[in-house]
Amino acid sequence: MPGMEGIRCQIRALRAERRRWRADMQRFKAERRAARRSGGAMPENPGPPPTGFALLPWLLLGMGAFSNLLQGRTANPWIGGLGLFAFNSLYIYVTFRAFVRTKREARSTRVALVLMGVITCGLALGYGGTWLYFFPLLGLATGAVVRGPWLGRIGFGLTALAAAVSFVRAGWDAVNVAYGTFLSTMVTAAILSLSEAVRELRAAREELARRAVEKERMRFSRDLHDLLGHTLSVIVVKSEAARRLAPRDLDAALAQVTDIESVGRQALTEIREAVTGYREGSLATELDGARSVLAAARVEPVVRQSGPPLVPQTEALLGWVLREAVTNVVRHSDATRCEITVDGTADLVRLTVSDNGTDASPAEPEPGVGGTGLKGLTERLAAAGGSLRAGPAPRGGFEVRAELPVDAADLTEASR
């Protein structure tokens, strides 16, 4: 009964494998038909992955032995029939497990392969003739299972075994059996290894493409958050200033309204540049904007700048830090004074934004947006070899300090 149950399990496994093979083939054909109708590129996937069904037709090499059994030309036919049945069952078991890495490397698969070798040697020594062709079948199963550095040793060992056993039964005809065994082992291993490598490379390329798309989405969402967050904060502050000035100084209120219009137009330009991915901010422009928004929010701006000129990519990164830090001062700090210091040497540039208010970092980070605010800026500067620190200032208030090497690598990518 346990033997019958094992046969039933094998039959169920074969049926399940065949259903999966048919489903993969239908999916591949549907993709090809859709590509033809749409006129797009044909799918690169060559079809469903190989399975044990690709190796089943080689069992026809054993038809000569089966024919001898039917015609009664085999001594002890019951032993030969049981040996043939056992070999075919083990062959099917091994080959269907050979296409799944975990199953292929399992001990049960290796044990089944060794049992196939024992049965092959027994049948070849006992009957000879067409029974010797089970050695190439054994080589084919071995090549499907064994990969890596041990393949050559095992392949040559199996070839030597086939030559020795065949020489006992068939003399110099053993050369043909040995050659067929070696060829089936090496060619099968080479083809299956190449197929697996191609599929792994294709999967890696698809994963790289997916990550590139995800990275671009992160860049766009981060830039859009930083742009809109700062711009809307400026518009709100200047609108409040215009509302306060309107009753007593209409000209000053109109000046604030004019600034709101200018900020809106500039935001439109920056959003277009962010969409295309070629936005490069100017630090001087950001400093002027910081002075304006701080003054409108009744925060005294103090700006100090020294050091050599900076490359555009460095200015773009520091501009992002300045924009975010000033936005946090206006929205969260309740400060009356904000000091902005830019100083640099030949190797390092440092930007410091400090205020005399309370904690200028958002109390609750905005959910659902990855890589935004100070966290996103920290990642950007780290990608360029710099650093960002934010926390309470030594003399009270809050301080944001960014340091960036002048010769940092990949500044263009980090600024985007």
Foldseek 3Di string as FASTA:
>chain_A
DVVVVVVVVLVVVVVVVVVVQVVFQVVLVVQQVVCVVVVHDRDPPPTDDDALVVVVVVCVLCVVVVVCLVVVVAPPSVVVVVLNVLLSVLLSVLRRQLLPLVSLPDPVSVVSLVVNVVSLLVQCLRGNDSSLLVLLSSLLSQLSRDDDPCLVVVLVVSLVVSLVSNCVRPNPVSVVSSVSSSCNNVVNNVVSVVSVVVVVVVVVVVVVVVVVVVVLVLQLLAQVCLLVLLLVLLLVLLQVLLVVCVVPHVVVSVVSVVVNVVSVVVSVVSNVCSVVLNDFDALVVLVVVLCVSCVSLQAHEAEEEDDDDADRLVRLLVSSVSSLQSSLCSPPFPFNYWYWYWYDYLWKIKIKIWTAGAFSDDPDDDPPRPLYGPNVSQVLQVQQVKGWDWDADPVGTIMIMIMGTRPTPPSSVSSD
